[in-house]
Amino acid sequence: MTNKTEILSRGKSVSPHAGAWLWIAIAVLYSIAPLDFIPDVITPYGWVDDILVVAISIINLVQSYLMPKNEALAKMVKRIKWIVIGFAPLVVIALAVVVVCEKLF
C-alpha cells in the first residue's frame, strides 16, 4: 500500500505538490489569456479576476506545502482559500456592475 503523500507513476514518484504547481501554471495561463470574465482592457477592473485566480492558486500551493508539516495550519489556510473562492465571484460581479454603470452613466 502506498503512502498517501506519494503517488507512483510508472515506477517513478511524483511530488505531492505537483497538482498545486499545475494549478499555478493554469492560473498564469489564464492571466495572460485574452479571454477573461472581465476583459483586461478595462483597467484596473479587468485585472481583478486574474489576481483572484492567481491568489487562490498560490494559497493552494502554500496549503500543499504546509500539510505534511503542520496540519492545523494547513486547515486554517484551506479555510482562507475557500473564503476567497466564495467571495471571488461576488467581487467580479460587483466590478462588472460598476463597469456597466460607468459606461451607461
PDB file of N, CA and C in Angstrom:
ATOM      1  N   MET A   1       0.850  -1.182   0.000  1.00  0.00           N
ATOM      2  CA  MET A   1       0.000   0.000   0.000  1.00  0.00           C
ATOM      3  C   MET A   1       0.894   1.244   0.000  1.00  0.00           C
ATOM      4  N   THR A   2       0.541   2.237  -0.772  1.00  0.00           N
ATOM      5  CA  THR A   2       1.384   3.423  -0.890  1.00  0.00           C
ATOM      6  C   THR A   2       0.998   4.469   0.148  1.00  0.00           C
ATOM      7  N   ASN A   3       1.962   5.288   0.480  1.00  0.00           N
ATOM      8  CA  ASN A   3       1.738   6.409   1.369  1.00  0.00           C
ATOM      9  C   ASN A   3       0.836   7.412   0.655  1.00  0.00           C
ATOM     10  N   LYS A   4      -0.068   8.083   1.389  1.00  0.00           N
ATOM     11  CA  LYS A   4      -0.994   8.979   0.714  1.00  0.00           C
ATOM     12  C   LYS A   4      -0.327  10.255   0.196  1.00  0.00           C
ATOM     13  N   THR A   5       0.893  10.562   0.646  1.00  0.00           N
ATOM     14  CA  THR A   5       1.589  11.731   0.119  1.00  0.00           C
ATOM     15  C   THR A   5       2.464  11.379  -1.077  1.00  0.00           C
ATOM     16  N   GLU A   6       2.540  10.089  -1.415  1.00  0.00           N
ATOM     17  CA  GLU A   6       3.368   9.676  -2.536  1.00  0.00           C
ATOM     18  C   GLU A   6       2.505   9.012  -3.594  1.00  0.00           C
ATOM     19  N   ILE A   7       2.602   9.473  -4.801  1.00  0.00           N
ATOM     20  CA  ILE A   7       1.846   8.912  -5.912  1.00  0.00           C
ATOM     21  C   ILE A   7       2.847   8.255  -6.850  1.00  0.00           C
ATOM     22  N   LEU A   8       2.598   7.025  -7.217  1.00  0.00           N
ATOM     23  CA  LEU A   8       3.518   6.318  -8.095  1.00  0.00           C
ATOM     24  C   LEU A   8       2.990   6.344  -9.521  1.00  0.00           C
ATOM     25  N   SER A   9       3.854   6.681 -10.433  1.00  0.00           N
ATOM     26  CA  SER A   9       3.501   6.731 -11.841  1.00  0.00           C
ATOM     27  C   SER A   9       4.603   6.050 -12.630  1.00  0.00           C
ATOM     28  N   ARG A  10       4.318   4.847 -13.129  1.00  0.00           N
ATOM     29  CA  ARG A  10       5.282   4.055 -13.902  1.00  0.00           C
ATOM     30  C   ARG A  10       6.599   3.869 -13.147  1.00  0.00           C
ATOM     31  N   GLY A  11       6.494   3.603 -11.854  1.00  0.00           N
ATOM     32  CA  GLY A  11       7.681   3.341 -11.073  1.00  0.00           C
ATOM     33  C   GLY A  11       8.409   4.574 -10.576  1.00  0.00           C
ATOM     34  N   LYS A  12       7.994   5.755 -10.977  1.00  0.00           N
ATOM     35  CA  LYS A  12       8.643   6.988 -10.534  1.00  0.00           C
ATOM     36  C   LYS A  12       7.706   7.713  -9.589  1.00  0.00           C
ATOM     37  N   SER A  13       8.250   8.289  -8.542  1.00  0.00           N
ATOM     38  CA  SER A  13       7.396   9.018  -7.615  1.00  0.00           C
ATOM     39  C   SER A  13       7.175  10.440  -8.128  1.00  0.00           C
ATOM     40  N   VAL A  14       5.975  10.909  -7.916  1.00  0.00           N
ATOM     41  CA  VAL A  14       5.589  12.253  -8.329  1.00  0.00           C
ATOM     42  C   VAL A  14       5.428  13.079  -7.056  1.00  0.00           C
ATOM     43  N   SER A  15       5.872  14.294  -7.092  1.00  0.00           N
ATOM     44  CA  SER A  15       5.781  15.169  -5.932  1.00  0.00           C
ATOM     45  C   SER A  15       4.328  15.333  -5.499  1.00  0.00           C
ATOM     46  N   PRO A  16       4.071  15.340  -4.198  1.00  0.00           N
ATOM     47  CA  PRO A  16       2.699  15.573  -3.735  1.00  0.00           C
ATOM     48  C   PRO A  16       2.244  17.002  -4.001  1.00  0.00           C
ATOM     49  N   HIS A  17       3.168  17.862  -4.393  1.00  0.00           N
ATOM     50  CA  HIS A  17       2.839  19.262  -4.686  1.00  0.00           C
ATOM     51  C   HIS A  17       2.629  19.501  -6.179  1.00  0.00           C
ATOM     52  N   ALA A  18       2.715  18.445  -6.981  1.00  0.00           N
ATOM     53  CA  ALA A  18       2.612  18.591  -8.436  1.00  0.00           C
ATOM     54  C   ALA A  18       1.268  19.175  -8.849  1.00  0.00           C
ATOM     55  N   GLY A  19       0.200  18.754  -8.194  1.00  0.00           N
ATOM     56  CA  GLY A  19      -1.127  19.276  -8.519  1.00  0.00           C
ATOM     57  C   GLY A  19      -1.235  20.769  -8.239  1.00  0.00           C
ATOM     58  N   ALA A  20      -0.649  21.205  -7.126  1.00  0.00           N
ATOM     59  CA  ALA A  20      -0.683  22.630  -6.783  1.00  0.00           C
ATOM     60  C   ALA A  20       0.123  23.446  -7.787  1.00  0.00           C
ATOM     61  N   TRP A  21       1.271  22.897  -8.218  1.00  0.00           N
ATOM     62  CA  TRP A  21       2.067  23.606  -9.239  1.00  0.00           C
ATOM     63  C   TRP A  21       1.334  23.639 -10.575  1.00  0.00           C
ATOM     64  N   LEU A  22       0.571  22.599 -10.876  1.00  0.00           N
ATOM     65  CA  LEU A  22      -0.225  22.588 -12.100  1.00  0.00           C
ATOM     66  C   LEU A  22      -1.270  23.702 -12.065  1.00  0.00           C
ATOM     67  N   TRP A  23      -1.911  23.892 -10.894  1.00  0.00           N
ATOM     68  CA  TRP A  23      -2.883  24.980 -10.763  1.00  0.00           C
ATOM     69  C   TRP A  23      -2.220  26.350 -10.899  1.00  0.00           C
ATOM     70  N   ILE A  24      -0.987  26.485 -10.424  1.00  0.00           N
ATOM     71  CA  ILE A  24      -0.254  27.751 -10.609  1.00  0.00           C
ATOM     72  C   ILE A  24      -0.060  28.015 -12.101  1.00  0.00           C
ATOM     73  N   ALA A  25       0.352  26.986 -12.840  1.00  0.00           N
ATOM     74  CA  ALA A  25       0.572  27.138 -14.286  1.00  0.00           C
ATOM     75  C   ALA A  25      -0.729  27.503 -14.991  1.00  0.00           C
ATOM     76  N   ILE A  26      -1.825  26.858 -14.621  1.00  0.00           N
ATOM     77  CA  ILE A  26      -3.123  27.172 -15.227  1.00  0.00           C
ATOM     78  C   ILE A  26      -3.528  28.604 -14.899  1.00  0.00           C
ATOM     79  N   ALA A  27      -3.292  29.042 -13.664  1.00  0.00           N
ATOM     80  CA  ALA A  27      -3.639  30.408 -13.268  1.00  0.00           C
ATOM     81  C   ALA A  27      -2.841  31.439 -14.052  1.00  0.00           C
ATOM     82  N   VAL A  28      -1.554  31.164 -14.260  1.00  0.00           N
ATOM     83  CA  VAL A  28      -0.725  32.098 -15.035  1.00  0.00           C
ATOM     84  C   VAL A  28      -1.209  32.142 -16.489  1.00  0.00           C
ATOM     85  N   LEU A  29      -1.518  30.979 -17.048  1.00  0.00           N
ATOM     86  CA  LEU A  29      -2.040  30.955 -18.420  1.00  0.00           C
ATOM     87  C   LEU A  29      -3.359  31.712 -18.525  1.00  0.00           C
ATOM     88  N   TYR A  30      -4.225  31.558 -17.533  1.00  0.00           N
ATOM     89  CA  TYR A  30      -5.488  32.300 -17.524  1.00  0.00           C
ATOM     90  C   TYR A  30      -5.224  33.799 -17.469  1.00  0.00           C
ATOM     91  N   SER A  31      -4.221  34.194 -16.686  1.00  0.00           N
ATOM     92  CA  SER A  31      -3.925  35.617 -16.526  1.00  0.00           C
ATOM     93  C   SER A  31      -3.426  36.259 -17.811  1.00  0.00           C
ATOM     94  N   ILE A  32      -2.691  35.494 -18.627  1.00  0.00           N
ATOM     95  CA  ILE A  32      -2.170  36.090 -19.862  1.00  0.00           C
ATOM     96  C   ILE A  32      -3.076  35.829 -21.058  1.00  0.00           C
ATOM     97  N   ALA A  33      -4.101  34.998 -20.875  1.00  0.00           N
ATOM     98  CA  ALA A  33      -5.021  34.702 -21.976  1.00  0.00           C
ATOM     99  C   ALA A  33      -5.904  35.914 -22.259  1.00  0.00           C
ATOM    100  N   PRO A  34      -6.277  36.101 -23.519  1.00  0.00           N
ATOM    101  CA  PRO A  34      -7.117  37.251 -23.845  1.00  0.00           C
ATOM    102  C   PRO A  34      -8.576  37.087 -23.409  1.00  0.00           C
ATOM    103  N   LEU A  35      -9.023  35.873 -23.158  1.00  0.00           N
ATOM    104  CA  LEU A  35     -10.402  35.643 -22.728  1.00  0.00           C
ATOM    105  C   LEU A  35     -10.476  35.619 -21.202  1.00  0.00           C
ATOM    106  N   ASP A  36     -11.280  36.500 -20.645  1.00  0.00           N
ATOM    107  CA  ASP A  36     -11.448  36.615 -19.199  1.00  0.00           C
ATOM    108  C   ASP A  36     -12.914  36.843 -18.885  1.00  0.00           C
ATOM    109  N   PHE A  37     -13.239  36.733 -17.583  1.00  0.00           N
ATOM    110  CA  PHE A  37     -14.584  37.111 -17.156  1.00  0.00           C
ATOM    111  C   PHE A  37     -14.768  38.610 -17.341  1.00  0.00           C
ATOM    112  N   ILE A  38     -13.767  39.380 -16.946  1.00  0.00           N
ATOM    113  CA  ILE A  38     -13.750  40.825 -17.192  1.00  0.00           C
ATOM    114  C   ILE A  38     -12.527  41.086 -18.061  1.00  0.00           C
ATOM    115  N   PRO A  39     -12.711  41.600 -19.269  1.00  0.00           N
ATOM    116  CA  PRO A  39     -11.565  41.808 -20.170  1.00  0.00           C
ATOM    117  C   PRO A  39     -10.504  42.716 -19.549  1.00  0.00           C
ATOM    118  N   ASP A  40      -9.251  42.391 -19.822  1.00  0.00           N
ATOM    119  CA  ASP A  40      -8.133  43.142 -19.240  1.00  0.00           C
ATOM    120  C   ASP A  40      -8.020  44.562 -19.778  1.00  0.00           C
ATOM    121  N   VAL A  41      -8.665  44.845 -20.890  1.00  0.00           N
ATOM    122  CA  VAL A  41      -8.582  46.201 -21.442  1.00  0.00           C
ATOM    123  C   VAL A  41      -9.364  47.192 -20.584  1.00  0.00           C
ATOM    124  N   ILE A  42     -10.251  46.699 -19.742  1.00  0.00           N
ATOM    125  CA  ILE A  42     -10.984  47.571 -18.823  1.00  0.00           C
ATOM    126  C   ILE A  42     -10.153  47.661 -17.541  1.00  0.00           C
ATOM    127  N   THR A  43      -9.126  48.487 -17.585  1.00  0.00           N
ATOM    128  CA  THR A  43      -8.229  48.583 -16.439  1.00  0.00           C
ATOM    129  C   THR A  43      -8.822  49.500 -15.384  1.00  0.00           C
ATOM    130  N   PRO A  44      -8.594  49.319 -14.162  1.00  0.00           N
ATOM    131  CA  PRO A  44      -7.944  48.215 -13.471  1.00  0.00           C
ATOM    132  C   PRO A  44      -8.883  47.051 -13.162  1.00  0.00           C
ATOM    133  N   TYR A  45     -10.159  47.192 -13.524  1.00  0.00           N
ATOM    134  CA  TYR A  45     -11.147  46.165 -13.169  1.00  0.00           C
ATOM    135  C   TYR A  45     -10.848  44.819 -13.826  1.00  0.00           C
ATOM    136  N   GLY A  46     -10.298  44.838 -15.011  1.00  0.00           N
ATOM    137  CA  GLY A  46     -10.018  43.599 -15.722  1.00  0.00           C
ATOM    138  C   GLY A  46      -8.945  42.750 -15.090  1.00  0.00           C
ATOM    139  N   TRP A  47      -8.144  43.355 -14.245  1.00  0.00           N
ATOM    140  CA  TRP A  47      -7.068  42.603 -13.599  1.00  0.00           C
ATOM    141  C   TRP A  47      -7.534  41.876 -12.341  1.00  0.00           C
ATOM    142  N   VAL A  48      -8.696  42.255 -11.822  1.00  0.00           N
ATOM    143  CA  VAL A  48      -9.147  41.705 -10.544  1.00  0.00           C
ATOM    144  C   VAL A  48      -9.365  40.199 -10.635  1.00  0.00           C
ATOM    145  N   ASP A  49     -10.034  39.723 -11.678  1.00  0.00           N
ATOM    146  CA  ASP A  49     -10.266  38.282 -11.784  1.00  0.00           C
ATOM    147  C   ASP A  49      -8.954  37.531 -11.955  1.00  0.00           C
ATOM    148  N   ASP A  50      -8.004  38.117 -12.687  1.00  0.00           N
ATOM    149  CA  ASP A  50      -6.684  37.483 -12.835  1.00  0.00           C
ATOM    150  C   ASP A  50      -5.977  37.388 -11.484  1.00  0.00           C
ATOM    151  N   ILE A  51      -6.010  38.467 -10.719  1.00  0.00           N
ATOM    152  CA  ILE A  51      -5.359  38.486  -9.412  1.00  0.00           C
ATOM    153  C   ILE A  51      -6.003  37.465  -8.479  1.00  0.00           C
ATOM    154  N   LEU A  52      -7.327  37.364  -8.514  1.00  0.00           N
ATOM    155  CA  LEU A  52      -8.012  36.409  -7.651  1.00  0.00           C
ATOM    156  C   LEU A  52      -7.653  34.969  -8.004  1.00  0.00           C
ATOM    157  N   VAL A  53      -7.594  34.660  -9.292  1.00  0.00           N
ATOM    158  CA  VAL A  53      -7.249  33.293  -9.709  1.00  0.00           C
ATOM    159  C   VAL A  53      -5.823  32.949  -9.292  1.00  0.00           C
ATOM    160  N   VAL A  54      -4.897  33.860  -9.496  1.00  0.00           N
ATOM    161  CA  VAL A  54      -3.508  33.612  -9.094  1.00  0.00           C
ATOM    162  C   VAL A  54      -3.404  33.515  -7.574  1.00  0.00           C
ATOM    163  N   ALA A  55      -4.104  34.372  -6.841  1.00  0.00           N
ATOM    164  CA  ALA A  55      -4.058  34.338  -5.378  1.00  0.00           C
ATOM    165  C   ALA A  55      -4.589  33.004  -4.845  1.00  0.00           C
ATOM    166  N   ILE A  56      -5.681  32.523  -5.405  1.00  0.00           N
ATOM    167  CA  ILE A  56      -6.244  31.247  -4.964  1.00  0.00           C
ATOM    168  C   ILE A  56      -5.265  30.109  -5.243  1.00  0.00           C
ATOM    169  N   SER A  57      -4.619  30.132  -6.393  1.00  0.00           N
ATOM    170  CA  SER A  57      -3.677  29.055  -6.702  1.00  0.00           C
ATOM    171  C   SER A  57      -2.435  29.127  -5.806  1.00  0.00           C
ATOM    172  N   ILE A  58      -1.996  30.322  -5.445  1.00  0.00           N
ATOM    173  CA  ILE A  58      -0.863  30.460  -4.525  1.00  0.00           C
ATOM    174  C   ILE A  58      -1.242  29.969  -3.128  1.00  0.00           C
ATOM    175  N   ILE A  59      -2.449  30.300  -2.667  1.00  0.00           N
ATOM    176  CA  ILE A  59      -2.916  29.803  -1.377  1.00  0.00           C
ATOM    177  C   ILE A  59      -2.974  28.276  -1.395  1.00  0.00           C
ATOM    178  N   ASN A  60      -3.421  27.702  -2.511  1.00  0.00           N
ATOM    179  CA  ASN A  60      -3.468  26.250  -2.657  1.00  0.00           C
ATOM    180  C   ASN A  60      -2.063  25.648  -2.572  1.00  0.00           C
ATOM    181  N   LEU A  61      -1.074  26.297  -3.179  1.00  0.00           N
ATOM    182  CA  LEU A  61       0.303  25.822  -3.131  1.00  0.00           C
ATOM    183  C   LEU A  61       0.853  25.877  -1.703  1.00  0.00           C
ATOM    184  N   VAL A  62       0.590  26.969  -1.002  1.00  0.00           N
ATOM    185  CA  VAL A  62       1.026  27.097   0.387  1.00  0.00           C
ATOM    186  C   VAL A  62       0.392  25.994   1.236  1.00  0.00           C
ATOM    187  N   GLN A  63      -0.880  25.736   1.005  1.00  0.00           N
ATOM    188  CA  GLN A  63      -1.566  24.683   1.743  1.00  0.00           C
ATOM    189  C   GLN A  63      -0.913  23.320   1.490  1.00  0.00           C
ATOM    190  N   SER A  64      -0.544  23.038   0.257  1.00  0.00           N
ATOM    191  CA  SER A  64       0.052  21.736  -0.055  1.00  0.00           C
ATOM    192  C   SER A  64       1.415  21.564   0.622  1.00  0.00           C
ATOM    193  N   TYR A  65       2.169  22.656   0.772  1.00  0.00           N
ATOM    194  CA  TYR A  65       3.465  22.555   1.443  1.00  0.00           C
ATOM    195  C   TYR A  65       3.313  22.494   2.970  1.00  0.00           C
ATOM    196  N   LEU A  66       2.252  23.084   3.503  1.00  0.00           N
ATOM    197  CA  LEU A  66       2.055  23.055   4.951  1.00  0.00           C
ATOM    198  C   LEU A  66       1.484  21.732   5.446  1.00  0.00           C
ATOM    199  N   MET A  67       0.732  21.030   4.610  1.00  0.00           N
ATOM    200  CA  MET A  67       0.013  19.837   5.048  1.00  0.00           C
ATOM    201  C   MET A  67       0.912  18.803   5.729  1.00  0.00           C
ATOM    202  N   PRO A  68       2.067  18.428   5.159  1.00  0.00           N
ATOM    203  CA  PRO A  68       2.871  17.419   5.854  1.00  0.00           C
ATOM    204  C   PRO A  68       3.551  17.935   7.128  1.00  0.00           C
ATOM    205  N   LYS A  69       3.734  19.248   7.240  1.00  0.00           N
ATOM    206  CA  LYS A  69       4.494  19.808   8.361  1.00  0.00           C
ATOM    207  C   LYS A  69       3.609  20.253   9.521  1.00  0.00           C
ATOM    208  N   ASN A  70       2.499  20.902   9.202  1.00  0.00           N
ATOM    209  CA  ASN A  70       1.630  21.453  10.237  1.00  0.00           C
ATOM    210  C   ASN A  70       0.187  21.355   9.752  1.00  0.00           C
ATOM    211  N   GLU A  71      -0.477  20.281  10.116  1.00  0.00           N
ATOM    212  CA  GLU A  71      -1.815  20.021   9.601  1.00  0.00           C
ATOM    213  C   GLU A  71      -2.841  21.062  10.076  1.00  0.00           C
ATOM    214  N   ALA A  72      -2.697  21.535  11.303  1.00  0.00           N
ATOM    215  CA  ALA A  72      -3.639  22.537  11.825  1.00  0.00           C
ATOM    216  C   ALA A  72      -3.531  23.845  11.038  1.00  0.00           C
ATOM    217  N   LEU A  73      -2.314  24.269  10.773  1.00  0.00           N
ATOM    218  CA  LEU A  73      -2.120  25.492   9.996  1.00  0.00           C
ATOM    219  C   LEU A  73      -2.599  25.305   8.563  1.00  0.00           C
ATOM    220  N   ALA A  74      -2.377  24.123   8.002  1.00  0.00           N
ATOM    221  CA  ALA A  74      -2.849  23.831   6.651  1.00  0.00           C
ATOM    222  C   ALA A  74      -4.369  23.892   6.581  1.00  0.00           C
ATOM    223  N   LYS A  75      -5.057  23.448   7.631  1.00  0.00           N
ATOM    224  CA  LYS A  75      -6.526  23.521   7.658  1.00  0.00           C
ATOM    225  C   LYS A  75      -7.004  24.969   7.721  1.00  0.00           C
ATOM    226  N   MET A  76      -6.275  25.818   8.458  1.00  0.00           N
ATOM    227  CA  MET A  76      -6.636  27.236   8.502  1.00  0.00           C
ATOM    228  C   MET A  76      -6.437  27.887   7.139  1.00  0.00           C
ATOM    229  N   VAL A  77      -5.345  27.547   6.469  1.00  0.00           N
ATOM    230  CA  VAL A  77      -5.094  28.082   5.125  1.00  0.00           C
ATOM    231  C   VAL A  77      -6.176  27.594   4.163  1.00  0.00           C
ATOM    232  N   LYS A  78      -6.617  26.354   4.330  1.00  0.00           N
ATOM    233  CA  LYS A  78      -7.688  25.814   3.490  1.00  0.00           C
ATOM    234  C   LYS A  78      -8.975  26.609   3.687  1.00  0.00           C
ATOM    235  N   ARG A  79      -9.285  26.950   4.932  1.00  0.00           N
ATOM    236  CA  ARG A  79     -10.484  27.769   5.193  1.00  0.00           C
ATOM    237  C   ARG A  79     -10.360  29.140   4.528  1.00  0.00           C
ATOM    238  N   ILE A  80      -9.181  29.741   4.625  1.00  0.00           N
ATOM    239  CA  ILE A  80      -8.957  31.035   3.973  1.00  0.00           C
ATOM    240  C   ILE A  80      -9.143  30.908   2.468  1.00  0.00           C
ATOM    241  N   LYS A  81      -8.620  29.821   1.903  1.00  0.00           N
ATOM    242  CA  LYS A  81      -8.761  29.603   0.455  1.00  0.00           C
ATOM    243  C   LYS A  81     -10.237  29.542   0.066  1.00  0.00           C
ATOM    244  N   TRP A  82     -11.042  28.818   0.837  1.00  0.00           N
ATOM    245  CA  TRP A  82     -12.461  28.694   0.491  1.00  0.00           C
ATOM    246  C   TRP A  82     -13.219  29.994   0.723  1.00  0.00           C
ATOM    247  N   ILE A  83     -12.784  30.804   1.675  1.00  0.00           N
ATOM    248  CA  ILE A  83     -13.400  32.125   1.847  1.00  0.00           C
ATOM    249  C   ILE A  83     -13.112  32.989   0.624  1.00  0.00           C
ATOM    250  N   VAL A  84     -11.864  32.974   0.156  1.00  0.00           N
ATOM    251  CA  VAL A  84     -11.506  33.744  -1.042  1.00  0.00           C
ATOM    252  C   VAL A  84     -12.276  33.223  -2.256  1.00  0.00           C
ATOM    253  N   ILE A  85     -12.377  31.899  -2.385  1.00  0.00           N
ATOM    254  CA  ILE A  85     -13.123  31.320  -3.502  1.00  0.00           C
ATOM    255  C   ILE A  85     -14.592  31.720  -3.420  1.00  0.00           C
ATOM    256  N   GLY A  86     -15.141  31.780  -2.226  1.00  0.00           N
ATOM    257  CA  GLY A  86     -16.543  32.159  -2.061  1.00  0.00           C
ATOM    258  C   GLY A  86     -16.810  33.615  -2.391  1.00  0.00           C
ATOM    259  N   PHE A  87     -15.891  34.492  -2.027  1.00  0.00           N
ATOM    260  CA  PHE A  87     -16.093  35.913  -2.275  1.00  0.00           C
ATOM    261  C   PHE A  87     -15.646  36.356  -3.671  1.00  0.00           C
ATOM    262  N   ALA A  88     -14.823  35.575  -4.333  1.00  0.00           N
ATOM    263  CA  ALA A  88     -14.305  35.970  -5.648  1.00  0.00           C
ATOM    264  C   ALA A  88     -15.412  36.242  -6.665  1.00  0.00           C
ATOM    265  N   PRO A  89     -16.400  35.354  -6.813  1.00  0.00           N
ATOM    266  CA  PRO A  89     -17.464  35.664  -7.792  1.00  0.00           C
ATOM    267  C   PRO A  89     -18.236  36.924  -7.434  1.00  0.00           C
ATOM    268  N   LEU A  90     -18.431  37.173  -6.143  1.00  0.00           N
ATOM    269  CA  LEU A  90     -19.140  38.390  -5.731  1.00  0.00           C
ATOM    270  C   LEU A  90     -18.352  39.634  -6.110  1.00  0.00           C
ATOM    271  N   VAL A  91     -17.039  39.589  -5.922  1.00  0.00           N
ATOM    272  CA  VAL A  91     -16.188  40.732  -6.276  1.00  0.00           C
ATOM    273  C   VAL A  91     -16.224  40.962  -7.786  1.00  0.00           C
ATOM    274  N   VAL A  92     -16.111  39.887  -8.553  1.00  0.00           N
ATOM    275  CA  VAL A  92     -16.113  40.013 -10.014  1.00  0.00           C
ATOM    276  C   VAL A  92     -17.453  40.554 -10.498  1.00  0.00           C
ATOM    277  N   ILE A  93     -18.551  40.053  -9.958  1.00  0.00           N
ATOM    278  CA  ILE A  93     -19.880  40.539 -10.360  1.00  0.00           C
ATOM    279  C   ILE A  93     -20.053  42.007  -9.979  1.00  0.00           C
ATOM    280  N   ALA A  94     -19.628  42.382  -8.777  1.00  0.00           N
ATOM    281  CA  ALA A  94     -19.738  43.774  -8.352  1.00  0.00           C
ATOM    282  C   ALA A  94     -18.933  44.694  -9.258  1.00  0.00           C
ATOM    283  N   LEU A  95     -17.728  44.279  -9.636  1.00  0.00           N
ATOM    284  CA  LEU A  95     -16.925  45.110 -10.530  1.00  0.00           C
ATOM    285  C   LEU A  95     -17.522  45.163 -11.930  1.00  0.00           C
ATOM    286  N   ALA A  96     -18.126  44.078 -12.378  1.00  0.00           N
ATOM    287  CA  ALA A  96     -18.792  44.101 -13.688  1.00  0.00           C
ATOM    288  C   ALA A  96     -19.952  45.085 -13.675  1.00  0.00           C
ATOM    289  N   VAL A  97     -20.693  45.131 -12.585  1.00  0.00           N
ATOM    290  CA  VAL A  97     -21.795  46.097 -12.457  1.00  0.00           C
ATOM    291  C   VAL A  97     -21.246  47.519 -12.463  1.00  0.00           C
ATOM    292  N   VAL A  98     -20.129  47.744 -11.771  1.00  0.00           N
ATOM    293  CA  VAL A  98     -19.518  49.075 -11.759  1.00  0.00           C
ATOM    294  C   VAL A  98     -19.104  49.487 -13.165  1.00  0.00           C
ATOM    295  N   VAL A  99     -18.504  48.565 -13.904  1.00  0.00           N
ATOM    296  CA  VAL A  99     -18.067  48.869 -15.271  1.00  0.00           C
ATOM    297  C   VAL A  99     -19.267  49.195 -16.150  1.00  0.00           C
ATOM    298  N   VAL A 100     -20.321  48.422 -16.060  1.00  0.00           N
ATOM    299  CA  VAL A 100     -21.516  48.669 -16.871  1.00  0.00           C
ATOM    300  C   VAL A 100     -22.141  50.000 -16.499  1.00  0.00           C
ATOM    301  N   CYS A 101     -22.223  50.312 -15.211  1.00  0.00           N
ATOM    302  CA  CYS A 101     -22.788  51.597 -14.775  1.00  0.00           C
ATOM    303  C   CYS A 101     -21.927  52.771 -15.238  1.00  0.00           C
ATOM    304  N   GLU A 102     -20.600  52.581 -15.232  1.00  0.00           N
ATOM    305  CA  GLU A 102     -19.723  53.644 -15.728  1.00  0.00           C
ATOM    306  C   GLU A 102     -19.977  53.921 -17.198  1.00  0.00           C
ATOM    307  N   LYS A 103     -20.204  52.873 -17.970  1.00  0.00           N
ATOM    308  CA  LYS A 103     -20.434  53.040 -19.406  1.00  0.00           C
ATOM    309  C   LYS A 103     -21.810  53.664 -19.689  1.00  0.00           C
ATOM    310  N   LEU A 104     -22.793  53.342 -18.856  1.00  0.00           N
ATOM    311  CA  LEU A 104     -24.143  53.846 -19.096  1.00  0.00           C
ATOM    312  C   LEU A 104     -24.333  55.272 -18.628  1.00  0.00           C
ATOM    313  N   PHE A 105     -23.688  55.624 -17.527  1.00  0.00           N
ATOM    314  CA  PHE A 105     -23.948  56.945 -16.937  1.00  0.00           C
ATOM    315  C   PHE A 105     -22.778  57.801 -17.101  1.00  0.00           C
TER     316      PHE A 105
END
